């Protein structure tokens, strides 16, 4: 969650930078407009994939990269009580 704001701001600034190119009407607009549209769409798609899909994939893959699964019932600081085995006693 801490990385959401920088990712969103970066994608927003990049998209806003291409907005004049996407709305241009002057000379060369027939080349610039489709290019800007594709770049803005790619930025939106990659941002959504980064924030939602990749995060769910990492969280669901058994705690890879330090991300804990929600299914884990153990909390830090709580130890399980186990029976001690005494040698020679069954």
C-alpha atoms as a PDB file:
ATOM      1  CA  UNK A   1       0.000   0.000   0.000  1.00  0.00           C
ATOM      2  CA  UNK A   2       2.929   2.327   0.593  1.00  0.00           C
ATOM      3  CA  UNK A   3       3.966   2.111  -3.042  1.00  0.00           C
ATOM      4  CA  UNK A   4       0.538   2.916  -4.468  1.00  0.00           C
ATOM      5  CA  UNK A   5       0.847   6.691  -4.323  1.00  0.00           C
ATOM      6  CA  UNK A   6       4.190   6.960  -6.189  1.00  0.00           C
ATOM      7  CA  UNK A   7       3.013   4.560  -8.894  1.00  0.00           C
ATOM      8  CA  UNK A   8      -0.243   6.461  -9.387  1.00  0.00           C
ATOM      9  CA  UNK A   9       1.456   9.864  -9.465  1.00  0.00           C
ATOM     10  CA  UNK A  10       4.055   8.683 -11.982  1.00  0.00           C
ATOM     11  CA  UNK A  11       1.413   7.251 -14.319  1.00  0.00           C
ATOM     12  CA  UNK A  12      -0.782  10.340 -13.956  1.00  0.00           C
ATOM     13  CA  UNK A  13       2.030  12.769 -14.759  1.00  0.00           C
ATOM     14  CA  UNK A  14       3.136  10.734 -17.765  1.00  0.00           C
ATOM     15  CA  UNK A  15      -0.447  10.523 -19.056  1.00  0.00           C
ATOM     16  CA  UNK A  16      -0.993  14.253 -18.578  1.00  0.00           C
ATOM     17  CA  UNK A  17       2.207  14.897 -20.512  1.00  0.00           C
ATOM     18  CA  UNK A  18       0.802  13.042 -23.522  1.00  0.00           C
ATOM     19  CA  UNK A  19      -2.619  14.688 -23.285  1.00  0.00           C
ATOM     20  CA  UNK A  20      -1.765  17.729 -25.481  1.00  0.00           C
ATOM     21  CA  UNK A  21      -0.382  15.358 -28.096  1.00  0.00           C
ATOM     22  CA  UNK A  22      -3.550  13.242 -27.966  1.00  0.00           C
ATOM     23  CA  UNK A  23      -5.761  16.312 -28.384  1.00  0.00           C
ATOM     24  CA  UNK A  24      -3.636  18.041 -31.035  1.00  0.00           C
ATOM     25  CA  UNK A  25      -5.300  19.247 -34.205  1.00  0.00           C
ATOM     26  CA  UNK A  26      -2.418  20.815 -36.098  1.00  0.00           C
ATOM     27  CA  UNK A  27       0.130  19.553 -38.600  1.00  0.00           C
ATOM     28  CA  UNK A  28       1.189  15.954 -37.987  1.00  0.00           C
ATOM     29  CA  UNK A  29      -1.808  15.212 -35.772  1.00  0.00           C
ATOM     30  CA  UNK A  30      -2.696  12.143 -37.824  1.00  0.00           C
ATOM     31  CA  UNK A  31       0.537  10.535 -36.565  1.00  0.00           C
ATOM     32  CA  UNK A  32       0.706  12.030 -33.075  1.00  0.00           C
ATOM     33  CA  UNK A  33      -2.866  11.365 -31.957  1.00  0.00           C
ATOM     34  CA  UNK A  34      -2.837   7.539 -32.358  1.00  0.00           C
ATOM     35  CA  UNK A  35       0.631   7.320 -30.833  1.00  0.00           C
ATOM     36  CA  UNK A  36      -0.388   9.328 -27.782  1.00  0.00           C
ATOM     37  CA  UNK A  37      -3.581   7.294 -27.404  1.00  0.00           C
ATOM     38  CA  UNK A  38      -1.629   4.034 -27.415  1.00  0.00           C
ATOM     39  CA  UNK A  39       0.935   5.340 -24.921  1.00  0.00           C
ATOM     40  CA  UNK A  40      -1.751   6.625 -22.528  1.00  0.00           C
ATOM     41  CA  UNK A  41      -3.620   3.309 -22.781  1.00  0.00           C
ATOM     42  CA  UNK A  42      -0.406   1.418 -22.077  1.00  0.00           C
ATOM     43  CA  UNK A  43       0.314   3.541 -19.024  1.00  0.00           C
ATOM     44  CA  UNK A  44      -3.176   2.967 -17.631  1.00  0.00           C
ATOM     45  CA  UNK A  45      -3.003  -0.773 -18.330  1.00  0.00           C
ATOM     46  CA  UNK A  46       0.454  -1.200 -16.810  1.00  0.00           C
ATOM     47  CA  UNK A  47      -0.553   0.789 -13.730  1.00  0.00           C
ATOM     48  CA  UNK A  48      -3.614  -1.385 -13.149  1.00  0.00           C
ATOM     49  CA  UNK A  49      -1.567  -4.544 -13.655  1.00  0.00           C
ATOM     50  CA  UNK A  50       1.137  -3.317 -11.289  1.00  0.00           C
ATOM     51  CA  UNK A  51      -1.218  -2.278  -8.508  1.00  0.00           C
ATOM     52  CA  UNK A  52      -3.840  -5.009  -8.651  1.00  0.00           C
ATOM     53  CA  UNK A  53      -2.887  -8.116 -10.584  1.00  0.00           C
ATOM     54  CA  UNK A  54       0.787  -8.342  -9.673  1.00  0.00           C
ATOM     55  CA  UNK A  55       0.066  -7.655  -6.008  1.00  0.00           C
ATOM     56  CA  UNK A  56      -2.562 -10.419  -5.859  1.00  0.00           C
ATOM     57  CA  UNK A  57      -0.229 -12.820  -7.641  1.00  0.00           C
ATOM     58  CA  UNK A  58       2.631 -12.173  -5.228  1.00  0.00           C
ATOM     59  CA  UNK A  59       0.385 -12.369  -2.165  1.00  0.00           C
ATOM     60  CA  UNK A  60      -1.075 -15.658  -3.344  1.00  0.00           C
ATOM     61  CA  UNK A  61       2.194 -17.369  -4.144  1.00  0.00           C
ATOM     62  CA  UNK A  62       3.090 -18.685  -0.691  1.00  0.00           C
ATOM     63  CA  UNK A  63       4.669 -15.582   0.773  1.00  0.00           C
ATOM     64  CA  UNK A  64       7.191 -14.994  -2.016  1.00  0.00           C
ATOM     65  CA  UNK A  65       9.172 -11.715  -1.695  1.00  0.00           C
ATOM     66  CA  UNK A  66       8.217 -11.228   1.935  1.00  0.00           C
ATOM     67  CA  UNK A  67       4.482 -10.797   1.333  1.00  0.00           C
ATOM     68  CA  UNK A  68       2.461 -12.817   3.835  1.00  0.00           C
ATOM     69  CA  UNK A  69      -0.608 -14.697   2.788  1.00  0.00           C
ATOM     70  CA  UNK A  70      -3.906 -13.786   4.444  1.00  0.00           C
ATOM     71  CA  UNK A  71      -4.540 -17.450   5.131  1.00  0.00           C
ATOM     72  CA  UNK A  72      -1.646 -17.614   7.559  1.00  0.00           C
ATOM     73  CA  UNK A  73      -3.024 -18.062  11.053  1.00  0.00           C
ATOM     74  CA  UNK A  74       0.232 -17.384  12.873  1.00  0.00           C
ATOM     75  CA  UNK A  75       0.932 -13.891  14.031  1.00  0.00           C
ATOM     76  CA  UNK A  76       4.351 -12.520  14.974  1.00  0.00           C
ATOM     77  CA  UNK A  77       5.124 -12.925  18.634  1.00  0.00           C
ATOM     78  CA  UNK A  78       2.767 -15.849  19.251  1.00  0.00           C
ATOM     79  CA  UNK A  79       4.388 -19.231  19.676  1.00  0.00           C
ATOM     80  CA  UNK A  80       2.639 -22.545  19.561  1.00  0.00           C
ATOM     81  CA  UNK A  81       2.683 -24.629  22.724  1.00  0.00           C
ATOM     82  CA  UNK A  82       4.000 -28.110  22.093  1.00  0.00           C
ATOM     83  CA  UNK A  83       4.284 -31.095  24.369  1.00  0.00           C
ATOM     84  CA  UNK A  84       7.761 -31.890  25.518  1.00  0.00           C
ATOM     85  CA  UNK A  85       8.906 -35.422  25.140  1.00  0.00           C
ATOM     86  CA  UNK A  86      10.744 -36.924  28.041  1.00  0.00           C
ATOM     87  CA  UNK A  87      13.298 -39.558  27.039  1.00  0.00           C
ATOM     88  CA  UNK A  88      12.356 -43.022  28.222  1.00  0.00           C
ATOM     89  CA  UNK A  89       8.722 -42.139  28.913  1.00  0.00           C
ATOM     90  CA  UNK A  90       6.079 -42.956  26.347  1.00  0.00           C
END
